[in-house]
Structure formats: C-alpha cells, structure tokens
Amino acid sequence: THATTHATTHATTHETTHATTHATTHETTHATTHATTHETTHVTTH
C-alpha cells in the first residue's frame, strides 16, 4: 500500500511538473514567435 501510494504520488507529481514545464516552454516559444513575426510584419509594412 505504501509503495503504491508513493508510486502514484511520484507519478502524479512528475506528470504535473512535466506538463507545467511543457506548457511554459510552449507559451514562451509561442509568444516569442508571435512577437518576432509581428515586429517583422510591422517593419516590412512600415
């Protein structure tokens, strides 16, 4: 029982951490890409 609980807790924590890290990285990349694209478009248009 203890081992199962420990394994479950560890797995859940790991997945949560992984998901959060992935989401943060994705958002940062998306924001950077969007900003770069926006600036390039603005400069080109201007």
C-alpha atoms as a PDB file:
ATOM      1  CA  THR A   1       0.000   0.000   0.000  1.00  0.00           C
ATOM      2  CA  HIS A   2       2.743   2.410   0.927  1.00  0.00           C
ATOM      3  CA  ALA A   3       4.677   1.592  -2.199  1.00  0.00           C
ATOM      4  CA  THR A   4       1.605   2.057  -4.372  1.00  0.00           C
ATOM      5  CA  THR A   5       0.770   5.369  -2.753  1.00  0.00           C
ATOM      6  CA  HIS A   6       4.340   6.535  -3.130  1.00  0.00           C
ATOM      7  CA  ALA A   7       4.485   5.476  -6.767  1.00  0.00           C
ATOM      8  CA  THR A   8       1.186   7.156  -7.559  1.00  0.00           C
ATOM      9  CA  THR A   9       2.177  10.370  -5.829  1.00  0.00           C
ATOM     10  CA  HIS A  10       5.538  10.415  -7.564  1.00  0.00           C
ATOM     11  CA  ALA A  11       3.972   9.755 -10.959  1.00  0.00           C
ATOM     12  CA  THR A  12       1.362  12.457 -10.459  1.00  0.00           C
ATOM     13  CA  THR A  13       3.940  14.988  -9.331  1.00  0.00           C
ATOM     14  CA  HIS A  14       6.201  14.123 -12.239  1.00  0.00           C
ATOM     15  CA  GLU A  15       3.397  14.429 -14.771  1.00  0.00           C
ATOM     16  CA  THR A  16       2.270  17.746 -13.304  1.00  0.00           C
ATOM     17  CA  THR A  17       5.795  19.121 -13.375  1.00  0.00           C
ATOM     18  CA  HIS A  18       6.303  17.876 -16.918  1.00  0.00           C
ATOM     19  CA  ALA A  19       3.019  19.345 -18.084  1.00  0.00           C
ATOM     20  CA  THR A  20       3.725  22.693 -16.446  1.00  0.00           C
ATOM     21  CA  THR A  21       7.229  22.856 -17.891  1.00  0.00           C
ATOM     22  CA  HIS A  22       5.972  21.908 -21.332  1.00  0.00           C
ATOM     23  CA  ALA A  23       3.181  24.458 -21.188  1.00  0.00           C
ATOM     24  CA  THR A  24       5.528  27.216 -20.035  1.00  0.00           C
ATOM     25  CA  THR A  25       8.032  26.417 -22.756  1.00  0.00           C
ATOM     26  CA  HIS A  26       5.292  26.266 -25.360  1.00  0.00           C
ATOM     27  CA  GLU A  27       3.807  29.582 -24.274  1.00  0.00           C
ATOM     28  CA  THR A  28       7.211  31.263 -24.227  1.00  0.00           C
ATOM     29  CA  THR A  29       8.031  29.940 -27.678  1.00  0.00           C
ATOM     30  CA  HIS A  30       4.630  30.968 -28.975  1.00  0.00           C
ATOM     31  CA  ALA A  31       4.921  34.449 -27.507  1.00  0.00           C
ATOM     32  CA  THR A  32       8.437  34.917 -28.858  1.00  0.00           C
ATOM     33  CA  THR A  33       7.447  33.678 -32.296  1.00  0.00           C
ATOM     34  CA  HIS A  34       4.367  35.880 -32.340  1.00  0.00           C
ATOM     35  CA  ALA A  35       6.331  38.936 -31.238  1.00  0.00           C
ATOM     36  CA  THR A  36       9.044  38.324 -33.814  1.00  0.00           C
ATOM     37  CA  THR A  37       6.515  37.793 -36.587  1.00  0.00           C
ATOM     38  CA  HIS A  38       4.582  40.880 -35.551  1.00  0.00           C
ATOM     39  CA  GLU A  39       7.699  43.046 -35.471  1.00  0.00           C
ATOM     40  CA  THR A  40       8.885  41.747 -38.827  1.00  0.00           C
ATOM     41  CA  THR A  41       5.499  42.407 -40.390  1.00  0.00           C
ATOM     42  CA  HIS A  42       5.335  45.871 -38.857  1.00  0.00           C
ATOM     43  CA  VAL A  43       8.820  46.822 -40.019  1.00  0.00           C
ATOM     44  CA  THR A  44       8.231  45.440 -43.501  1.00  0.00           C
ATOM     45  CA  THR A  45       4.892  47.214 -43.820  1.00  0.00           C
ATOM     46  CA  HIS A  46       6.219  50.438 -42.422  1.00  0.00           C
END
